[in-house]
Amino acid sequence: SFKPEYAWFDQFNRIFALPSTWLSCIRDGYEQINEQL
């Protein structure tokens, strides 16, 4: 797109989280660290 996109992956190169100020996605059980990410 027009800008860099960011995504969080775990050690096995699986999606872990896509935090955002709009629509966020995070692995179940880790919601409490979304803001930190």
Full PDB file with SEQRES, HELIX, SHEET, SSBOND, CRYST1, ORIGX, SCALE, CONECT and MASTER records, all heavy atoms in Angstrom:
SEQRES   1 A   37  SER PHE LYS PRO GLU TYR ALA TRP PHE ASP GLN PHE ASN          
SEQRES   2 A   37  ARG ILE PHE ALA LEU PRO SER THR TRP LEU SER CYS ILE          
SEQRES   3 A   37  ARG ASP GLY TYR GLU GLN ILE ASN GLU GLN LEU                  
HELIX    1 AA1 GLU A   31  ILE A   33  5                                   3    
SHEET    1 AA1 3 TRP A   8  PHE A   9  0                                        
SHEET    2 AA1 3 ILE A  15  LEU A  18 -1                                        
SHEET    3 AA1 3 CYS A  25  ILE A  26 -1                                        
CRYST1    1.000    1.000    1.000  90.00  90.00  90.00 P 1           1          
ORIGX1      1.000000  0.000000  0.000000        0.00000                         
ORIGX2      0.000000  1.000000  0.000000        0.00000                         
ORIGX3      0.000000  0.000000  1.000000        0.00000                         
SCALE1      1.000000  0.000000  0.000000        0.00000                         
SCALE2      0.000000  1.000000  0.000000        0.00000                         
SCALE3      0.000000  0.000000  1.000000        0.00000                         
ATOM      1  N   SER A   1       0.844  -1.192   0.000  1.00  0.00           N  
ATOM      2  CA  SER A   1       0.000   0.000   0.000  1.00  0.00           C  
ATOM      3  C   SER A   1       0.877   1.239   0.000  1.00  0.00           C  
ATOM      4  O   SER A   1       2.042   1.190  -0.402  1.00  0.00           O  
ATOM      5  CB  SER A   1      -0.934  -0.017   1.210  1.00  0.00           C  
ATOM      6  OG  SER A   1      -0.206   0.077   2.415  1.00  0.00           O  
ATOM      7  N   PHE A   2       0.327   2.346   0.466  1.00  0.00           N  
ATOM      8  CA  PHE A   2       1.065   3.607   0.473  1.00  0.00           C  
ATOM      9  C   PHE A   2       2.147   3.653   1.545  1.00  0.00           C  
ATOM     10  O   PHE A   2       3.018   4.515   1.505  1.00  0.00           O  
ATOM     11  CB  PHE A   2       0.103   4.774   0.734  1.00  0.00           C  
ATOM     12  CG  PHE A   2      -1.018   4.890  -0.251  1.00  0.00           C  
ATOM     13  CD1 PHE A   2      -2.328   4.823   0.174  1.00  0.00           C  
ATOM     14  CD2 PHE A   2      -0.771   5.073  -1.602  1.00  0.00           C  
ATOM     15  CE1 PHE A   2      -3.375   4.943  -0.719  1.00  0.00           C  
ATOM     16  CE2 PHE A   2      -1.808   5.187  -2.507  1.00  0.00           C  
ATOM     17  CZ  PHE A   2      -3.118   5.116  -2.069  1.00  0.00           C  
ATOM     18  N   LYS A   3       2.075   2.775   2.504  1.00  0.00           N  
ATOM     19  CA  LYS A   3       2.930   2.878   3.683  1.00  0.00           C  
ATOM     20  C   LYS A   3       3.372   1.490   4.110  1.00  0.00           C  
ATOM     21  O   LYS A   3       2.830   0.482   3.652  1.00  0.00           O  
ATOM     22  CB  LYS A   3       2.156   3.539   4.824  1.00  0.00           C  
ATOM     23  CG  LYS A   3       0.940   2.732   5.275  1.00  0.00           C  
ATOM     24  CD  LYS A   3       0.163   3.434   6.356  1.00  0.00           C  
ATOM     25  CE  LYS A   3      -1.014   2.608   6.840  1.00  0.00           C  
ATOM     26  NZ  LYS A   3      -0.627   1.385   7.545  1.00  0.00           N  
ATOM     27  N   PRO A   4       4.342   1.400   5.000  1.00  0.00           N  
ATOM     28  CA  PRO A   4       4.691   0.087   5.555  1.00  0.00           C  
ATOM     29  C   PRO A   4       3.528  -0.491   6.350  1.00  0.00           C  
ATOM     30  O   PRO A   4       2.797   0.229   7.032  1.00  0.00           O  
ATOM     31  CB  PRO A   4       5.885   0.398   6.477  1.00  0.00           C  
ATOM     32  CG  PRO A   4       6.409   1.707   6.026  1.00  0.00           C  
ATOM     33  CD  PRO A   4       5.232   2.468   5.507  1.00  0.00           C  
ATOM     34  N   GLU A   5       3.348  -1.805   6.251  1.00  0.00           N  
ATOM     35  CA  GLU A   5       2.354  -2.510   7.057  1.00  0.00           C  
ATOM     36  C   GLU A   5       3.105  -3.304   8.125  1.00  0.00           C  
ATOM     37  O   GLU A   5       4.202  -3.823   7.869  1.00  0.00           O  
ATOM     38  CB  GLU A   5       1.530  -3.460   6.192  1.00  0.00           C  
ATOM     39  CG  GLU A   5       0.831  -2.787   5.018  1.00  0.00           C  
ATOM     40  CD  GLU A   5      -0.277  -1.852   5.447  1.00  0.00           C  
ATOM     41  OE1 GLU A   5      -0.763  -2.002   6.584  1.00  0.00           O  
ATOM     42  OE2 GLU A   5      -0.646  -0.955   4.661  1.00  0.00           O  
ATOM     43  N   TYR A   6       2.530  -3.411   9.310  1.00  0.00           N  
ATOM     44  CA  TYR A   6       3.185  -4.089  10.419  1.00  0.00           C  
ATOM     45  C   TYR A   6       2.347  -5.274  10.879  1.00  0.00           C  
ATOM     46  O   TYR A   6       1.115  -5.224  10.889  1.00  0.00           O  
ATOM     47  CB  TYR A   6       3.400  -3.122  11.584  1.00  0.00           C  
ATOM     48  CG  TYR A   6       4.355  -1.999  11.257  1.00  0.00           C  
ATOM     49  CD1 TYR A   6       3.893  -0.797  10.732  1.00  0.00           C  
ATOM     50  CD2 TYR A   6       5.728  -2.152  11.445  1.00  0.00           C  
ATOM     51  CE1 TYR A   6       4.756   0.238  10.409  1.00  0.00           C  
ATOM     52  CE2 TYR A   6       6.608  -1.127  11.129  1.00  0.00           C  
ATOM     53  CZ  TYR A   6       6.121   0.060  10.613  1.00  0.00           C  
ATOM     54  OH  TYR A   6       6.994   1.075  10.294  1.00  0.00           O  
ATOM     55  N   ALA A   7       3.033  -6.339  11.263  1.00  0.00           N  
ATOM     56  CA  ALA A   7       2.356  -7.527  11.783  1.00  0.00           C  
ATOM     57  C   ALA A   7       3.282  -8.218  12.773  1.00  0.00           C  
ATOM     58  O   ALA A   7       4.515  -8.193  12.627  1.00  0.00           O  
ATOM     59  CB  ALA A   7       1.988  -8.485  10.652  1.00  0.00           C  
ATOM     60  N   TRP A   8       2.679  -8.837  13.779  1.00  0.00           N  
ATOM     61  CA  TRP A   8       3.427  -9.561  14.808  1.00  0.00           C  
ATOM     62  C   TRP A   8       3.307 -11.059  14.549  1.00  0.00           C  
ATOM     63  O   TRP A   8       2.199 -11.582  14.348  1.00  0.00           O  
ATOM     64  CB  TRP A   8       2.879  -9.233  16.191  1.00  0.00           C  
ATOM     65  CG  TRP A   8       3.137  -7.818  16.618  1.00  0.00           C  
ATOM     66  CD1 TRP A   8       2.434  -6.704  16.253  1.00  0.00           C  
ATOM     67  CD2 TRP A   8       4.174  -7.355  17.490  1.00  0.00           C  
ATOM     68  NE1 TRP A   8       2.958  -5.583  16.843  1.00  0.00           N  
ATOM     69  CE2 TRP A   8       4.022  -5.953  17.621  1.00  0.00           C  
ATOM     70  CE3 TRP A   8       5.200  -7.992  18.190  1.00  0.00           C  
ATOM     71  CZ2 TRP A   8       4.868  -5.177  18.411  1.00  0.00           C  
ATOM     72  CZ3 TRP A   8       6.044  -7.221  18.985  1.00  0.00           C  
ATOM     73  CH2 TRP A   8       5.882  -5.836  19.088  1.00  0.00           C  
ATOM     74  N   PHE A   9       4.467 -11.747  14.577  1.00  0.00           N  
ATOM     75  CA  PHE A   9       4.522 -13.190  14.352  1.00  0.00           C  
ATOM     76  C   PHE A   9       5.158 -13.874  15.557  1.00  0.00           C  
ATOM     77  O   PHE A   9       5.967 -13.274  16.275  1.00  0.00           O  
ATOM     78  CB  PHE A   9       5.344 -13.504  13.090  1.00  0.00           C  
ATOM     79  CG  PHE A   9       4.586 -13.274  11.807  1.00  0.00           C  
ATOM     80  CD1 PHE A   9       4.311 -11.994  11.361  1.00  0.00           C  
ATOM     81  CD2 PHE A   9       4.142 -14.354  11.058  1.00  0.00           C  
ATOM     82  CE1 PHE A   9       3.607 -11.785  10.182  1.00  0.00           C  
ATOM     83  CE2 PHE A   9       3.439 -14.154   9.884  1.00  0.00           C  
ATOM     84  CZ  PHE A   9       3.170 -12.871   9.449  1.00  0.00           C  
ATOM     85  N   ASP A  10       4.793 -15.141  15.755  1.00  0.00           N  
ATOM     86  CA  ASP A  10       5.423 -15.899  16.826  1.00  0.00           C  
ATOM     87  C   ASP A  10       6.690 -16.590  16.308  1.00  0.00           C  
ATOM     88  O   ASP A  10       7.113 -16.383  15.165  1.00  0.00           O  
ATOM     89  CB  ASP A  10       4.439 -16.887  17.457  1.00  0.00           C  
ATOM     90  CG  ASP A  10       3.998 -17.992  16.500  1.00  0.00           C  
ATOM     91  OD1 ASP A  10       4.687 -18.237  15.474  1.00  0.00           O  
ATOM     92  OD2 ASP A  10       2.961 -18.632  16.765  1.00  0.00           O  
ATOM     93  N   GLN A  11       7.273 -17.442  17.137  1.00  0.00           N  
ATOM     94  CA  GLN A  11       8.529 -18.098  16.754  1.00  0.00           C  
ATOM     95  C   GLN A  11       8.359 -19.093  15.615  1.00  0.00           C  
ATOM     96  O   GLN A  11       9.332 -19.479  14.968  1.00  0.00           O  
ATOM     97  CB  GLN A  11       9.112 -18.821  17.978  1.00  0.00           C  
ATOM     98  CG  GLN A  11       9.703 -17.871  19.011  1.00  0.00           C  
ATOM     99  CD  GLN A  11      10.212 -18.634  20.205  1.00  0.00           C  
ATOM    100  OE1 GLN A  11       9.422 -19.169  20.970  1.00  0.00           O  
ATOM    101  NE2 GLN A  11      11.528 -18.703  20.351  1.00  0.00           N  
ATOM    102  N   PHE A  12       7.120 -19.519  15.385  1.00  0.00           N  
ATOM    103  CA  PHE A  12       6.875 -20.487  14.320  1.00  0.00           C  
ATOM    104  C   PHE A  12       6.368 -19.807  13.057  1.00  0.00           C  
ATOM    105  O   PHE A  12       5.837 -20.464  12.157  1.00  0.00           O  
ATOM    106  CB  PHE A  12       5.867 -21.535  14.798  1.00  0.00           C  
ATOM    107  CG  PHE A  12       6.203 -22.116  16.136  1.00  0.00           C  
ATOM    108  CD1 PHE A  12       5.299 -22.062  17.179  1.00  0.00           C  
ATOM    109  CD2 PHE A  12       7.446 -22.697  16.372  1.00  0.00           C  
ATOM    110  CE1 PHE A  12       5.599 -22.586  18.425  1.00  0.00           C  
ATOM    111  CE2 PHE A  12       7.760 -23.219  17.614  1.00  0.00           C  
ATOM    112  CZ  PHE A  12       6.842 -23.163  18.644  1.00  0.00           C  
ATOM    113  N   ASN A  13       6.531 -18.470  13.009  1.00  0.00           N  
ATOM    114  CA  ASN A  13       6.111 -17.667  11.871  1.00  0.00           C  
ATOM    115  C   ASN A  13       4.614 -17.784  11.607  1.00  0.00           C  
ATOM    116  O   ASN A  13       4.157 -17.801  10.468  1.00  0.00           O  
ATOM    117  CB  ASN A  13       6.911 -18.029  10.615  1.00  0.00           C  
ATOM    118  CG  ASN A  13       8.367 -17.658  10.749  1.00  0.00           C  
ATOM    119  OD1 ASN A  13       8.713 -16.772  11.542  1.00  0.00           O  
ATOM    120  ND2 ASN A  13       9.238 -18.331  10.014  1.00  0.00           N  
ATOM    121  N   ARG A  14       3.854 -17.836  12.702  1.00  0.00           N  
ATOM    122  CA  ARG A  14       2.398 -17.746  12.625  1.00  0.00           C  
ATOM    123  C   ARG A  14       1.979 -16.349  13.078  1.00  0.00           C  
ATOM    124  O   ARG A  14       2.570 -15.775  13.999  1.00  0.00           O  
ATOM    125  CB  ARG A  14       1.730 -18.800  13.533  1.00  0.00           C  
ATOM    126  CG  ARG A  14       2.042 -20.243  13.190  1.00  0.00           C  
ATOM    127  CD  ARG A  14       1.297 -20.729  11.973  1.00  0.00           C  
ATOM    128  NE  ARG A  14      -0.152 -20.667  12.110  1.00  0.00           N  
ATOM    129  CZ  ARG A  14      -0.894 -21.619  12.693  1.00  0.00           C  
ATOM    130  NH1 ARG A  14      -0.313 -22.700  13.220  1.00  0.00           N  
ATOM    131  NH2 ARG A  14      -2.212 -21.510  12.736  1.00  0.00           N  
ATOM    132  N   ILE A  15       0.950 -15.816  12.460  1.00  0.00           N  
ATOM    133  CA  ILE A  15       0.418 -14.521  12.876  1.00  0.00           C  
ATOM    134  C   ILE A  15       0.092 -14.556  14.366  1.00  0.00           C  
ATOM    135  O   ILE A  15      -0.545 -15.492  14.854  1.00  0.00           O  
ATOM    136  CB  ILE A  15      -0.850 -14.172  12.078  1.00  0.00           C  
ATOM    137  CG1 ILE A  15      -0.486 -13.668  10.679  1.00  0.00           C  
ATOM    138  CG2 ILE A  15      -1.694 -13.133  12.800  1.00  0.00           C  
ATOM    139  CD1 ILE A  15      -0.084 -12.208  10.626  1.00  0.00           C  
ATOM    140  N   PHE A  16       0.546 -13.537  15.074  1.00  0.00           N  
ATOM    141  CA  PHE A  16       0.225 -13.417  16.490  1.00  0.00           C  
ATOM    142  C   PHE A  16      -0.757 -12.272  16.736  1.00  0.00           C  
ATOM    143  O   PHE A  16      -1.735 -12.421  17.465  1.00  0.00           O  
ATOM    144  CB  PHE A  16       1.496 -13.195  17.308  1.00  0.00           C  
ATOM    145  CG  PHE A  16       1.253 -13.171  18.794  1.00  0.00           C  
ATOM    146  CD1 PHE A  16       1.212 -14.355  19.518  1.00  0.00           C  
ATOM    147  CD2 PHE A  16       1.050 -11.977  19.472  1.00  0.00           C  
ATOM    148  CE1 PHE A  16       0.966 -14.343  20.888  1.00  0.00           C  
ATOM    149  CE2 PHE A  16       0.811 -11.956  20.836  1.00  0.00           C  
ATOM    150  CZ  PHE A  16       0.767 -13.142  21.550  1.00  0.00           C  
ATOM    151  N   ALA A  17      -0.490 -11.124  16.111  1.00  0.00           N  
ATOM    152  CA  ALA A  17      -1.370  -9.977  16.341  1.00  0.00           C  
ATOM    153  C   ALA A  17      -1.201  -8.950  15.236  1.00  0.00           C  
ATOM    154  O   ALA A  17      -0.134  -8.824  14.621  1.00  0.00           O  
ATOM    155  CB  ALA A  17      -1.086  -9.328  17.692  1.00  0.00           C  
ATOM    156  N   LEU A  18      -2.273  -8.220  14.993  1.00  0.00           N  
ATOM    157  CA  LEU A  18      -2.269  -7.060  14.110  1.00  0.00           C  
ATOM    158  C   LEU A  18      -2.928  -5.914  14.887  1.00  0.00           C  
ATOM    159  O   LEU A  18      -4.090  -5.577  14.665  1.00  0.00           O  
ATOM    160  CB  LEU A  18      -3.050  -7.351  12.825  1.00  0.00           C  
ATOM    161  CG  LEU A  18      -2.476  -8.436  11.915  1.00  0.00           C  
ATOM    162  CD1 LEU A  18      -3.508  -8.887  10.904  1.00  0.00           C  
ATOM    163  CD2 LEU A  18      -1.232  -7.919  11.205  1.00  0.00           C  
ATOM    164  N   PRO A  19      -2.219  -5.315  15.825  1.00  0.00           N  
ATOM    165  CA  PRO A  19      -2.823  -4.253  16.636  1.00  0.00           C  
ATOM    166  C   PRO A  19      -3.041  -2.978  15.829  1.00  0.00           C  
ATOM    167  O   PRO A  19      -2.293  -2.682  14.890  1.00  0.00           O  
ATOM    168  CB  PRO A  19      -1.797  -4.039  17.750  1.00  0.00           C  
ATOM    169  CG  PRO A  19      -0.507  -4.502  17.177  1.00  0.00           C  
ATOM    170  CD  PRO A  19      -0.834  -5.601  16.211  1.00  0.00           C  
ATOM    171  N   SER A  20      -4.070  -2.251  16.181  1.00  0.00           N  
ATOM    172  CA  SER A  20      -4.410  -1.030  15.461  1.00  0.00           C  
ATOM    173  C   SER A  20      -5.253  -0.146  16.353  1.00  0.00           C  
ATOM    174  O   SER A  20      -5.890  -0.615  17.300  1.00  0.00           O  
ATOM    175  CB  SER A  20      -5.179  -1.383  14.178  1.00  0.00           C  
ATOM    176  OG  SER A  20      -5.753  -0.233  13.595  1.00  0.00           O  
ATOM    177  N   THR A  21      -5.289   1.159  16.039  1.00  0.00           N  
ATOM    178  CA  THR A  21      -6.182   2.060  16.748  1.00  0.00           C  
ATOM    179  C   THR A  21      -7.602   1.943  16.212  1.00  0.00           C  
ATOM    180  O   THR A  21      -8.530   2.539  16.761  1.00  0.00           O  
ATOM    181  CB  THR A  21      -5.718   3.519  16.609  1.00  0.00           C  
ATOM    182  OG1 THR A  21      -5.626   3.842  15.212  1.00  0.00           O  
ATOM    183  CG2 THR A  21      -4.362   3.720  17.257  1.00  0.00           C  
ATOM    184  N   TRP A  22      -7.783   1.170  15.144  1.00  0.00           N  
ATOM    185  CA  TRP A  22      -9.112   0.995  14.558  1.00  0.00           C  
ATOM    186  C   TRP A  22      -9.570  -0.441  14.799  1.00  0.00           C  
ATOM    187  O   TRP A  22     -10.156  -0.749  15.809  1.00  0.00           O  
ATOM    188  CB  TRP A  22      -9.083   1.352  13.070  1.00  0.00           C  
ATOM    189  CG  TRP A  22     -10.440   1.550  12.476  1.00  0.00           C  
ATOM    190  CD1 TRP A  22     -11.131   0.699  11.671  1.00  0.00           C  
ATOM    191  CD2 TRP A  22     -11.291   2.695  12.633  1.00  0.00           C  
ATOM    192  NE1 TRP A  22     -12.345   1.232  11.311  1.00  0.00           N  
ATOM    193  CE2 TRP A  22     -12.479   2.456  11.887  1.00  0.00           C  
ATOM    194  CE3 TRP A  22     -11.172   3.895  13.338  1.00  0.00           C  
ATOM    195  CZ2 TRP A  22     -13.533   3.373  11.829  1.00  0.00           C  
ATOM    196  CZ3 TRP A  22     -12.219   4.812  13.267  1.00  0.00           C  
ATOM    197  CH2 TRP A  22     -13.381   4.550  12.528  1.00  0.00           C  
ATOM    198  N   LEU A  23      -9.267  -1.344  13.881  1.00  0.00           N  
ATOM    199  CA  LEU A  23      -9.647  -2.751  14.035  1.00  0.00           C  
ATOM    200  C   LEU A  23      -8.405  -3.567  14.344  1.00  0.00           C  
ATOM    201  O   LEU A  23      -7.488  -3.646  13.533  1.00  0.00           O  
ATOM    202  CB  LEU A  23     -10.311  -3.269  12.758  1.00  0.00           C  
ATOM    203  CG  LEU A  23     -10.764  -4.734  12.784  1.00  0.00           C  
ATOM    204  CD1 LEU A  23     -11.895  -4.939  13.784  1.00  0.00           C  
ATOM    205  CD2 LEU A  23     -11.204  -5.188  11.390  1.00  0.00           C  
ATOM    206  N   SER A  24      -8.365  -4.174  15.525  1.00  0.00           N  
ATOM    207  CA  SER A  24      -7.221  -4.972  15.957  1.00  0.00           C  
ATOM    208  C   SER A  24      -7.548  -6.454  15.885  1.00  0.00           C  
ATOM    209  O   SER A  24      -8.702  -6.864  16.075  1.00  0.00           O  
ATOM    210  CB  SER A  24      -6.830  -4.621  17.395  1.00  0.00           C  
ATOM    211  OG  SER A  24      -6.243  -3.355  17.472  1.00  0.00           O  
ATOM    212  N   CYS A  25      -6.511  -7.253  15.660  1.00  0.00           N  
ATOM    213  CA  CYS A  25      -6.623  -8.710  15.691  1.00  0.00           C  
ATOM    214  C   CYS A  25      -5.522  -9.237  16.609  1.00  0.00           C  
ATOM    215  O   CYS A  25      -4.360  -8.846  16.474  1.00  0.00           O  
ATOM    216  CB  CYS A  25      -6.466  -9.285  14.281  1.00  0.00           C  
ATOM    217  SG  CYS A  25      -6.376 -11.094  14.225  1.00  0.00           S  
ATOM    218  N   ILE A  26      -5.898 -10.119  17.540  1.00  0.00           N  
ATOM    219  CA  ILE A  26      -4.891 -10.700  18.427  1.00  0.00           C  
ATOM    220  C   ILE A  26      -5.312 -12.110  18.799  1.00  0.00           C  
ATOM    221  O   ILE A  26      -6.506 -12.421  18.911  1.00  0.00           O  
ATOM    222  CB  ILE A  26      -4.676  -9.838  19.689  1.00  0.00           C  
ATOM    223  CG1 ILE A  26      -3.458 -10.345  20.479  1.00  0.00           C  
ATOM    224  CG2 ILE A  26      -5.922  -9.769  20.554  1.00  0.00           C  
ATOM    225  CD1 ILE A  26      -2.914  -9.351  21.470  1.00  0.00           C  
ATOM    226  N   ARG A  27      -4.324 -12.974  18.992  1.00  0.00           N  
ATOM    227  CA  ARG A  27      -4.585 -14.370  19.330  1.00  0.00           C  
ATOM    228  C   ARG A  27      -5.331 -14.464  20.657  1.00  0.00           C  
ATOM    229  O   ARG A  27      -5.023 -13.747  21.619  1.00  0.00           O  
ATOM    230  CB  ARG A  27      -3.262 -15.137  19.395  1.00  0.00           C  
ATOM    231  CG  ARG A  27      -3.424 -16.645  19.472  1.00  0.00           C  
ATOM    232  CD  ARG A  27      -2.078 -17.331  19.381  1.00  0.00           C  
ATOM    233  NE  ARG A  27      -1.437 -17.104  18.087  1.00  0.00           N  
ATOM    234  CZ  ARG A  27      -0.192 -17.491  17.804  1.00  0.00           C  
ATOM    235  NH1 ARG A  27       0.544 -18.091  18.728  1.00  0.00           N  
ATOM    236  NH2 ARG A  27       0.315 -17.257  16.615  1.00  0.00           N  
ATOM    237  N   ASP A  28      -6.315 -15.324  20.676  1.00  0.00           N  
ATOM    238  CA  ASP A  28      -7.115 -15.488  21.892  1.00  0.00           C  
ATOM    239  C   ASP A  28      -6.222 -15.848  23.079  1.00  0.00           C  
ATOM    240  O   ASP A  28      -5.316 -16.680  22.972  1.00  0.00           O  
ATOM    241  CB  ASP A  28      -8.159 -16.590  21.692  1.00  0.00           C  
ATOM    242  CG  ASP A  28      -9.352 -16.110  20.891  1.00  0.00           C  
ATOM    243  OD1 ASP A  28      -9.401 -14.907  20.560  1.00  0.00           O  
ATOM    244  OD2 ASP A  28     -10.238 -16.935  20.588  1.00  0.00           O  
ATOM    245  N   GLY A  29      -6.504 -15.203  24.199  1.00  0.00           N  
ATOM    246  CA  GLY A  29      -5.738 -15.437  25.407  1.00  0.00           C  
ATOM    247  C   GLY A  29      -4.666 -14.406  25.650  1.00  0.00           C  
ATOM    248  O   GLY A  29      -4.087 -14.366  26.735  1.00  0.00           O  
ATOM    249  N   TYR A  30      -4.408 -13.543  24.665  1.00  0.00           N  
ATOM    250  CA  TYR A  30      -3.344 -12.544  24.803  1.00  0.00           C  
ATOM    251  C   TYR A  30      -3.880 -11.118  24.683  1.00  0.00           C  
ATOM    252  O   TYR A  30      -3.113 -10.176  24.483  1.00  0.00           O  
ATOM    253  CB  TYR A  30      -2.269 -12.774  23.732  1.00  0.00           C  
ATOM    254  CG  TYR A  30      -1.516 -14.067  23.908  1.00  0.00           C  
ATOM    255  CD1 TYR A  30      -1.950 -15.230  23.277  1.00  0.00           C  
ATOM    256  CD2 TYR A  30      -0.379 -14.137  24.712  1.00  0.00           C  
ATOM    257  CE1 TYR A  30      -1.273 -16.431  23.437  1.00  0.00           C  
ATOM    258  CE2 TYR A  30       0.305 -15.330  24.882  1.00  0.00           C  
ATOM    259  CZ  TYR A  30      -0.149 -16.468  24.243  1.00  0.00           C  
ATOM    260  OH  TYR A  30       0.535 -17.649  24.406  1.00  0.00           O  
ATOM    261  N   GLU A  31      -5.177 -10.964  24.834  1.00  0.00           N  
ATOM    262  CA  GLU A  31      -5.791  -9.652  24.640  1.00  0.00           C  
ATOM    263  C   GLU A  31      -5.159  -8.582  25.529  1.00  0.00           C  
ATOM    264  O   GLU A  31      -5.093  -7.409  25.140  1.00  0.00           O  
ATOM    265  CB  GLU A  31      -7.293  -9.741  24.923  1.00  0.00           C  
ATOM    266  CG  GLU A  31      -8.063 -10.607  23.942  1.00  0.00           C  
ATOM    267  CD  GLU A  31      -8.105 -12.071  24.332  1.00  0.00           C  
ATOM    268  OE1 GLU A  31      -7.327 -12.479  25.239  1.00  0.00           O  
ATOM    269  OE2 GLU A  31      -8.898 -12.816  23.741  1.00  0.00           O  
ATOM    270  N   GLN A  32      -4.692  -8.982  26.709  1.00  0.00           N  
ATOM    271  CA  GLN A  32      -4.198  -7.992  27.665  1.00  0.00           C  
ATOM    272  C   GLN A  32      -2.896  -7.327  27.218  1.00  0.00           C  
ATOM    273  O   GLN A  32      -2.529  -6.286  27.769  1.00  0.00           O  
ATOM    274  CB  GLN A  32      -3.997  -8.637  29.050  1.00  0.00           C  
ATOM    275  CG  GLN A  32      -2.803  -9.561  29.161  1.00  0.00           C  
ATOM    276  CD  GLN A  32      -3.091 -10.971  28.678  1.00  0.00           C  
ATOM    277  OE1 GLN A  32      -4.140 -11.224  28.091  1.00  0.00           O  
ATOM    278  NE2 GLN A  32      -2.171 -11.878  28.931  1.00  0.00           N  
ATOM    279  N   ILE A  33      -2.214  -7.870  26.222  1.00  0.00           N  
ATOM    280  CA  ILE A  33      -0.969  -7.235  25.775  1.00  0.00           C  
ATOM    281  C   ILE A  33      -1.142  -6.493  24.451  1.00  0.00           C  
ATOM    282  O   ILE A  33      -0.167  -6.001  23.886  1.00  0.00           O  
ATOM    283  CB  ILE A  33       0.183  -8.257  25.661  1.00  0.00           C  
ATOM    284  CG1 ILE A  33      -0.082  -9.288  24.550  1.00  0.00           C  
ATOM    285  CG2 ILE A  33       0.443  -8.931  26.996  1.00  0.00           C  
ATOM    286  CD1 ILE A  33       1.129 -10.146  24.233  1.00  0.00           C  
ATOM    287  N   ASN A  34      -2.370  -6.416  23.960  1.00  0.00           N  
ATOM    288  CA  ASN A  34      -2.591  -5.742  22.683  1.00  0.00           C  
ATOM    289  C   ASN A  34      -2.103  -4.297  22.720  1.00  0.00           C  
ATOM    290  O   ASN A  34      -1.442  -3.825  21.786  1.00  0.00           O  
ATOM    291  CB  ASN A  34      -4.073  -5.790  22.307  1.00  0.00           C  
ATOM    292  CG  ASN A  34      -4.328  -5.235  20.917  1.00  0.00           C  
ATOM    293  OD1 ASN A  34      -3.885  -5.791  19.923  1.00  0.00           O  
ATOM    294  ND2 ASN A  34      -5.050  -4.117  20.850  1.00  0.00           N  
ATOM    295  N   GLU A  35      -2.417  -3.579  23.794  1.00  0.00           N  
ATOM    296  CA  GLU A  35      -2.002  -2.183  23.902  1.00  0.00           C  
ATOM    297  C   GLU A  35      -0.483  -2.057  23.943  1.00  0.00           C  
ATOM    298  O   GLU A  35       0.095  -1.132  23.367  1.00  0.00           O  
ATOM    299  CB  GLU A  35      -2.626  -1.539  25.140  1.00  0.00           C  
ATOM    300  CG  GLU A  35      -4.089  -1.185  24.980  1.00  0.00           C  
ATOM    301  CD  GLU A  35      -4.335  -0.197  23.854  1.00  0.00           C  
ATOM    302  OE1 GLU A  35      -3.557   0.775  23.741  1.00  0.00           O  
ATOM    303  OE2 GLU A  35      -5.284  -0.394  23.086  1.00  0.00           O  
ATOM    304  N   GLN A  36       0.181  -2.998  24.619  1.00  0.00           N  
ATOM    305  CA  GLN A  36       1.636  -2.963  24.689  1.00  0.00           C  
ATOM    306  C   GLN A  36       2.245  -3.158  23.300  1.00  0.00           C  
ATOM    307  O   GLN A  36       3.190  -2.459  22.918  1.00  0.00           O  
ATOM    308  CB  GLN A  36       2.144  -4.052  25.638  1.00  0.00           C  
ATOM    309  CG  GLN A  36       3.651  -4.041  25.843  1.00  0.00           C  
ATOM    310  CD  GLN A  36       4.125  -5.139  26.790  1.00  0.00           C  
ATOM    311  OE1 GLN A  36       3.313  -5.894  27.330  1.00  0.00           O  
ATOM    312  NE2 GLN A  36       5.421  -5.226  27.000  1.00  0.00           N  
ATOM    313  N   LEU A  37       1.695  -4.102  22.543  1.00  0.00           N  
ATOM    314  CA  LEU A  37       2.178  -4.329  21.178  1.00  0.00           C  
ATOM    315  C   LEU A  37       1.923  -3.103  20.314  1.00  0.00           C  
ATOM    316  O   LEU A  37       2.775  -2.710  19.499  1.00  0.00           O  
ATOM    317  CB  LEU A  37       1.489  -5.549  20.567  1.00  0.00           C  
ATOM    318  CG  LEU A  37       1.679  -6.887  21.282  1.00  0.00           C  
ATOM    319  CD1 LEU A  37       0.994  -8.003  20.504  1.00  0.00           C  
ATOM    320  CD2 LEU A  37       3.158  -7.212  21.480  1.00  0.00           C  
TER     321      LEU A  37                                                      
MASTER        0    0    0    1    3    0    0    6  320    1    0    3          
END                                                                             
